[in-house]
Amino acid sequence: MKITIAFLIISFLSSSMSHAQFISTDDKLHFGAGAIISTTTYAVVYTTTKNKKKAFWYSLGASVLAGAAKELYDETRKDKGGYYWDTGELIATSLGGLTASTTLSLFVGKKNRKQKKIALVN
């Protein structure tokens, strides 16, 4: 999984669509929205299933799906408001979800592992 995450980050950063020196306010909002959607989904899935892998992938998928749905909505309204499909916004939403999912998967469940180790030692 670490290799997959590293590959995704490198591919997003090296794409021709990225602008390393310019991050718009709208992209920051998309990043935040992806993080919020991912965090909420992770919490719901993890409390229901107690499975970190399932919670990670569902939360990441939810943020990507939300970003794609928003961009699809923008594409359907381009004749009314001038909006077009923006891959950068989709990437920002996905990266927000990836950041939140990765952070939560690193820190959720640590307490249970420590208690299990203590129980095994005793």
N, C-alpha and C. Protein backbone atom coordinates (compact mmCIF):
# COMPACT_ATOMS: atom_id res chain seq x y z
N MET A 1 0.82 -1.18 0.00
CA MET A 1 0.00 0.00 0.00
C MET A 1 0.88 1.26 0.00
N LYS A 2 2.03 1.20 0.66
CA LYS A 2 2.92 2.36 0.68
C LYS A 2 3.42 2.69 -0.72
N ILE A 3 3.67 1.67 -1.51
CA ILE A 3 4.13 1.89 -2.88
C ILE A 3 3.03 2.53 -3.71
N THR A 4 1.79 2.11 -3.50
CA THR A 4 0.67 2.68 -4.24
C THR A 4 0.49 4.15 -3.91
N ILE A 5 0.56 4.49 -2.62
CA ILE A 5 0.41 5.88 -2.21
C ILE A 5 1.54 6.73 -2.76
N ALA A 6 2.76 6.23 -2.67
CA ALA A 6 3.90 6.97 -3.20
C ALA A 6 3.76 7.19 -4.71
N PHE A 7 3.32 6.16 -5.42
CA PHE A 7 3.11 6.29 -6.87
C PHE A 7 2.05 7.33 -7.19
N LEU A 8 0.95 7.33 -6.44
CA LEU A 8 -0.11 8.32 -6.68
C LEU A 8 0.37 9.74 -6.44
N ILE A 9 1.11 9.94 -5.37
CA ILE A 9 1.63 11.28 -5.06
C ILE A 9 2.58 11.75 -6.15
N ILE A 10 3.48 10.88 -6.56
CA ILE A 10 4.45 11.26 -7.60
C ILE A 10 3.74 11.54 -8.92
N SER A 11 2.75 10.73 -9.26
CA SER A 11 2.06 10.97 -10.52
C SER A 11 1.25 12.25 -10.49
N PHE A 12 0.65 12.59 -9.35
CA PHE A 12 -0.09 13.84 -9.25
C PHE A 12 0.85 15.04 -9.34
N LEU A 13 2.00 14.95 -8.69
CA LEU A 13 2.93 16.07 -8.68
C LEU A 13 3.63 16.26 -10.02
N SER A 14 3.82 15.19 -10.75
CA SER A 14 4.55 15.31 -12.00
C SER A 14 3.64 15.49 -13.22
N SER A 15 2.35 15.56 -12.99
CA SER A 15 1.45 15.72 -14.13
C SER A 15 1.58 17.12 -14.71
N SER A 16 1.25 17.23 -15.97
CA SER A 16 1.37 18.53 -16.63
C SER A 16 0.28 19.50 -16.17
N MET A 17 -0.71 19.00 -15.47
CA MET A 17 -1.80 19.86 -15.02
C MET A 17 -1.46 20.59 -13.72
N SER A 18 -0.42 20.17 -13.02
CA SER A 18 -0.12 20.78 -11.73
C SER A 18 0.65 22.09 -11.92
N HIS A 19 0.36 23.00 -11.05
CA HIS A 19 1.04 24.29 -11.04
C HIS A 19 1.70 24.43 -9.68
N ALA A 20 2.97 24.18 -9.60
CA ALA A 20 3.66 24.12 -8.33
C ALA A 20 3.70 25.47 -7.63
N GLN A 21 3.70 26.54 -8.36
CA GLN A 21 3.82 27.86 -7.76
C GLN A 21 2.47 28.52 -7.49
N PHE A 22 1.39 27.94 -7.95
CA PHE A 22 0.10 28.59 -7.85
C PHE A 22 -0.96 27.62 -7.36
N ILE A 23 -1.51 27.91 -6.20
CA ILE A 23 -2.63 27.13 -5.68
C ILE A 23 -3.76 28.12 -5.43
N SER A 24 -4.84 27.97 -6.18
CA SER A 24 -5.94 28.92 -6.07
C SER A 24 -6.75 28.66 -4.80
N THR A 25 -7.54 29.64 -4.45
CA THR A 25 -8.41 29.51 -3.29
C THR A 25 -9.43 28.39 -3.50
N ASP A 26 -9.90 28.26 -4.73
CA ASP A 26 -10.86 27.21 -5.04
C ASP A 26 -10.24 25.82 -4.86
N ASP A 27 -8.98 25.66 -5.23
CA ASP A 27 -8.30 24.37 -5.02
C ASP A 27 -8.13 24.07 -3.53
N LYS A 28 -7.88 25.10 -2.74
CA LYS A 28 -7.78 24.90 -1.29
C LYS A 28 -9.12 24.46 -0.71
N LEU A 29 -10.20 25.03 -1.22
CA LEU A 29 -11.52 24.62 -0.76
C LEU A 29 -11.82 23.16 -1.16
N HIS A 30 -11.41 22.79 -2.36
CA HIS A 30 -11.60 21.41 -2.80
C HIS A 30 -10.78 20.45 -1.94
N PHE A 31 -9.56 20.82 -1.60
CA PHE A 31 -8.72 20.00 -0.73
C PHE A 31 -9.40 19.80 0.62
N GLY A 32 -9.91 20.89 1.19
CA GLY A 32 -10.60 20.82 2.48
C GLY A 32 -11.87 19.99 2.41
N ALA A 33 -12.62 20.15 1.34
CA ALA A 33 -13.84 19.36 1.18
C ALA A 33 -13.53 17.88 1.07
N GLY A 34 -12.48 17.54 0.32
CA GLY A 34 -12.07 16.15 0.20
C GLY A 34 -11.64 15.57 1.54
N ALA A 35 -10.94 16.38 2.33
CA ALA A 35 -10.50 15.92 3.66
C ALA A 35 -11.69 15.71 4.59
N ILE A 36 -12.66 16.61 4.55
CA ILE A 36 -13.84 16.47 5.42
C ILE A 36 -14.67 15.26 5.02
N ILE A 37 -14.89 15.08 3.73
CA ILE A 37 -15.67 13.94 3.26
C ILE A 37 -14.95 12.64 3.62
N SER A 38 -13.65 12.61 3.43
CA SER A 38 -12.87 11.41 3.73
C SER A 38 -12.87 11.09 5.23
N THR A 39 -12.70 12.11 6.05
CA THR A 39 -12.68 11.91 7.50
C THR A 39 -14.02 11.37 7.99
N THR A 40 -15.10 11.95 7.50
CA THR A 40 -16.43 11.50 7.91
C THR A 40 -16.67 10.06 7.47
N THR A 41 -16.32 9.75 6.24
CA THR A 41 -16.52 8.39 5.73
C THR A 41 -15.65 7.40 6.49
N TYR A 42 -14.40 7.76 6.78
CA TYR A 42 -13.51 6.88 7.52
C TYR A 42 -14.09 6.58 8.90
N ALA A 43 -14.57 7.61 9.58
CA ALA A 43 -15.11 7.41 10.92
C ALA A 43 -16.32 6.49 10.91
N VAL A 44 -17.20 6.70 9.96
CA VAL A 44 -18.41 5.87 9.89
C VAL A 44 -18.06 4.42 9.55
N VAL A 45 -17.21 4.21 8.56
CA VAL A 45 -16.87 2.85 8.15
C VAL A 45 -16.06 2.13 9.22
N TYR A 46 -15.11 2.84 9.86
CA TYR A 46 -14.28 2.19 10.86
C TYR A 46 -15.08 1.82 12.11
N THR A 47 -15.98 2.71 12.55
CA THR A 47 -16.77 2.38 13.73
C THR A 47 -17.75 1.24 13.44
N THR A 48 -18.17 1.12 12.20
CA THR A 48 -19.09 0.05 11.84
C THR A 48 -18.38 -1.29 11.67
N THR A 49 -17.24 -1.29 10.98
CA THR A 49 -16.60 -2.56 10.62
C THR A 49 -15.34 -2.88 11.43
N LYS A 50 -14.71 -1.89 12.04
CA LYS A 50 -13.41 -2.07 12.75
C LYS A 50 -12.33 -2.59 11.81
N ASN A 51 -12.44 -2.26 10.53
CA ASN A 51 -11.49 -2.70 9.51
C ASN A 51 -10.81 -1.46 8.92
N LYS A 52 -9.51 -1.30 9.20
CA LYS A 52 -8.80 -0.10 8.76
C LYS A 52 -8.64 -0.04 7.24
N LYS A 53 -8.40 -1.17 6.60
CA LYS A 53 -8.22 -1.16 5.15
C LYS A 53 -9.51 -0.78 4.43
N LYS A 54 -10.60 -1.35 4.88
CA LYS A 54 -11.89 -1.03 4.27
C LYS A 54 -12.22 0.45 4.49
N ALA A 55 -11.97 0.95 5.69
CA ALA A 55 -12.24 2.35 5.99
C ALA A 55 -11.37 3.27 5.13
N PHE A 56 -10.10 2.90 4.94
CA PHE A 56 -9.20 3.71 4.11
C PHE A 56 -9.71 3.80 2.68
N TRP A 57 -10.00 2.67 2.08
CA TRP A 57 -10.38 2.67 0.67
C TRP A 57 -11.76 3.28 0.44
N TYR A 58 -12.69 3.06 1.36
CA TYR A 58 -14.01 3.68 1.22
C TYR A 58 -13.92 5.19 1.36
N SER A 59 -13.13 5.65 2.31
CA SER A 59 -13.03 7.10 2.51
C SER A 59 -12.31 7.77 1.34
N LEU A 60 -11.29 7.14 0.82
CA LEU A 60 -10.61 7.69 -0.35
C LEU A 60 -11.54 7.68 -1.56
N GLY A 61 -12.26 6.59 -1.74
CA GLY A 61 -13.20 6.50 -2.85
C GLY A 61 -14.32 7.53 -2.74
N ALA A 62 -14.78 7.80 -1.53
CA ALA A 62 -15.84 8.78 -1.35
C ALA A 62 -15.37 10.18 -1.73
N SER A 63 -14.14 10.53 -1.39
CA SER A 63 -13.64 11.86 -1.74
C SER A 63 -13.42 11.99 -3.25
N VAL A 64 -12.90 10.95 -3.88
CA VAL A 64 -12.72 10.98 -5.33
C VAL A 64 -14.07 11.05 -6.04
N LEU A 65 -15.02 10.28 -5.55
CA LEU A 65 -16.36 10.29 -6.14
C LEU A 65 -17.03 11.66 -5.98
N ALA A 66 -16.86 12.28 -4.82
CA ALA A 66 -17.43 13.61 -4.60
C ALA A 66 -16.79 14.64 -5.53
N GLY A 67 -15.47 14.56 -5.70
CA GLY A 67 -14.79 15.49 -6.61
C GLY A 67 -15.23 15.30 -8.05
N ALA A 68 -15.35 14.05 -8.47
CA ALA A 68 -15.78 13.77 -9.84
C ALA A 68 -17.23 14.21 -10.06
N ALA A 69 -18.09 13.99 -9.05
CA ALA A 69 -19.48 14.41 -9.18
C ALA A 69 -19.60 15.92 -9.29
N LYS A 70 -18.79 16.64 -8.53
CA LYS A 70 -18.83 18.10 -8.59
C LYS A 70 -18.35 18.60 -9.95
N GLU A 71 -17.31 18.00 -10.46
CA GLU A 71 -16.81 18.41 -11.77
C GLU A 71 -17.78 18.03 -12.88
N LEU A 72 -18.44 16.91 -12.75
CA LEU A 72 -19.46 16.53 -13.72
C LEU A 72 -20.63 17.52 -13.68
N TYR A 73 -20.99 17.95 -12.49
CA TYR A 73 -22.04 18.96 -12.35
C TYR A 73 -21.62 20.27 -13.00
N ASP A 74 -20.37 20.67 -12.80
CA ASP A 74 -19.86 21.88 -13.45
C ASP A 74 -19.91 21.75 -14.96
N GLU A 75 -19.58 20.58 -15.46
CA GLU A 75 -19.56 20.37 -16.91
C GLU A 75 -20.96 20.50 -17.50
N THR A 76 -21.97 20.06 -16.76
CA THR A 76 -23.33 20.16 -17.28
C THR A 76 -23.86 21.59 -17.24
N ARG A 77 -23.24 22.45 -16.44
CA ARG A 77 -23.70 23.82 -16.32
C ARG A 77 -22.81 24.82 -17.07
N LYS A 78 -21.95 24.33 -17.94
CA LYS A 78 -21.01 25.24 -18.61
C LYS A 78 -21.71 26.25 -19.51
N ASP A 79 -22.88 25.92 -20.01
CA ASP A 79 -23.59 26.86 -20.86
C ASP A 79 -24.21 28.00 -20.04
N LYS A 80 -24.45 27.79 -18.74
CA LYS A 80 -25.09 28.80 -17.91
C LYS A 80 -24.10 29.67 -17.14
N GLY A 81 -23.05 29.07 -16.63
CA GLY A 81 -22.15 29.83 -15.78
C GLY A 81 -20.71 29.87 -16.24
N GLY A 82 -20.38 29.21 -17.31
CA GLY A 82 -19.01 29.23 -17.79
C GLY A 82 -18.09 28.27 -17.08
N TYR A 83 -18.62 27.28 -16.37
CA TYR A 83 -17.78 26.31 -15.69
C TYR A 83 -17.41 25.19 -16.64
N TYR A 84 -16.22 24.67 -16.47
CA TYR A 84 -15.75 23.55 -17.28
C TYR A 84 -15.12 22.52 -16.36
N TRP A 85 -14.95 21.33 -16.89
CA TRP A 85 -14.28 20.26 -16.14
C TRP A 85 -12.87 20.73 -15.80
N ASP A 86 -12.53 20.69 -14.52
CA ASP A 86 -11.20 21.12 -14.08
C ASP A 86 -10.52 19.96 -13.37
N THR A 87 -9.56 19.37 -14.04
CA THR A 87 -8.85 18.21 -13.47
C THR A 87 -8.08 18.60 -12.21
N GLY A 88 -7.60 19.82 -12.16
CA GLY A 88 -6.87 20.29 -10.98
C GLY A 88 -7.74 20.27 -9.73
N GLU A 89 -9.00 20.63 -9.87
CA GLU A 89 -9.91 20.59 -8.73
C GLU A 89 -10.20 19.16 -8.31
N LEU A 90 -10.33 18.27 -9.27
CA LEU A 90 -10.54 16.86 -8.95
C LEU A 90 -9.31 16.29 -8.23
N ILE A 91 -8.13 16.66 -8.67
CA ILE A 91 -6.90 16.21 -8.01
C ILE A 91 -6.81 16.78 -6.60
N ALA A 92 -7.19 18.05 -6.43
CA ALA A 92 -7.15 18.66 -5.10
C ALA A 92 -8.10 17.96 -4.14
N THR A 93 -9.29 17.63 -4.60
CA THR A 93 -10.25 16.92 -3.76
C THR A 93 -9.73 15.53 -3.41
N SER A 94 -9.15 14.86 -4.39
CA SER A 94 -8.60 13.52 -4.15
C SER A 94 -7.42 13.56 -3.19
N LEU A 95 -6.56 14.55 -3.33
CA LEU A 95 -5.42 14.67 -2.42
C LEU A 95 -5.85 15.00 -0.99
N GLY A 96 -6.91 15.79 -0.86
CA GLY A 96 -7.47 16.04 0.47
C GLY A 96 -7.96 14.76 1.10
N GLY A 97 -8.64 13.94 0.31
CA GLY A 97 -9.11 12.65 0.80
C GLY A 97 -7.97 11.71 1.13
N LEU A 98 -6.95 11.69 0.28
CA LEU A 98 -5.79 10.83 0.52
C LEU A 98 -5.05 11.24 1.78
N THR A 99 -4.89 12.53 1.99
CA THR A 99 -4.21 13.03 3.18
C THR A 99 -4.97 12.64 4.44
N ALA A 100 -6.27 12.86 4.45
CA ALA A 100 -7.06 12.53 5.63
C ALA A 100 -7.10 11.02 5.87
N SER A 101 -7.30 10.25 4.83
CA SER A 101 -7.37 8.79 4.97
C SER A 101 -6.06 8.21 5.49
N THR A 102 -4.95 8.69 4.93
CA THR A 102 -3.64 8.20 5.37
C THR A 102 -3.37 8.57 6.81
N THR A 103 -3.68 9.80 7.18
CA THR A 103 -3.46 10.25 8.55
C THR A 103 -4.28 9.43 9.53
N LEU A 104 -5.53 9.23 9.21
CA LEU A 104 -6.39 8.46 10.11
C LEU A 104 -5.95 7.00 10.20
N SER A 105 -5.54 6.42 9.08
CA SER A 105 -5.14 5.02 9.13
C SER A 105 -3.84 4.83 9.92
N LEU A 106 -3.02 5.87 9.99
CA LEU A 106 -1.79 5.77 10.77
C LEU A 106 -2.06 5.83 12.27
N PHE A 107 -3.06 6.61 12.67
CA PHE A 107 -3.25 6.86 14.10
C PHE A 107 -4.44 6.15 14.73
N VAL A 108 -5.37 5.66 13.96
CA VAL A 108 -6.53 4.97 14.52
C VAL A 108 -6.14 3.53 14.85
N GLY A 109 -6.54 3.08 16.02
CA GLY A 109 -6.31 1.70 16.40
C GLY A 109 -5.01 1.45 17.14
N LYS A 110 -4.21 2.46 17.41
CA LYS A 110 -2.94 2.25 18.11
C LYS A 110 -3.17 1.80 19.54
N LYS A 111 -4.21 2.31 20.19
CA LYS A 111 -4.47 1.97 21.58
C LYS A 111 -4.75 0.49 21.74
N ASN A 112 -5.48 -0.09 20.83
CA ASN A 112 -5.81 -1.52 20.91
C ASN A 112 -4.56 -2.38 20.78
N ARG A 113 -3.64 -1.98 19.92
CA ARG A 113 -2.41 -2.77 19.74
C ARG A 113 -1.57 -2.74 21.01
N LYS A 114 -1.49 -1.59 21.68
CA LYS A 114 -0.72 -1.51 22.91
C LYS A 114 -1.34 -2.38 23.99
N GLN A 115 -2.67 -2.38 24.07
CA GLN A 115 -3.34 -3.20 25.08
C GLN A 115 -3.11 -4.68 24.80
N LYS A 116 -3.11 -5.08 23.54
CA LYS A 116 -2.87 -6.47 23.18
C LYS A 116 -1.46 -6.89 23.54
N LYS A 117 -0.47 -6.00 23.32
CA LYS A 117 0.91 -6.32 23.66
C LYS A 117 1.08 -6.49 25.16
N ILE A 118 0.42 -5.63 25.92
CA ILE A 118 0.51 -5.72 27.38
C ILE A 118 -0.13 -7.03 27.85
N ALA A 119 -1.25 -7.40 27.25
CA ALA A 119 -1.94 -8.64 27.63
C ALA A 119 -1.08 -9.86 27.30
N LEU A 120 -0.35 -9.81 26.18
CA LEU A 120 0.49 -10.93 25.80
C LEU A 120 1.69 -11.06 26.73
N VAL A 121 2.22 -9.94 27.22
CA VAL A 121 3.37 -9.97 28.11
C VAL A 121 3.00 -10.54 29.46
N ASN A 122 1.84 -10.17 29.95
CA ASN A 122 1.40 -10.64 31.27
C ASN A 122 1.02 -12.07 31.17
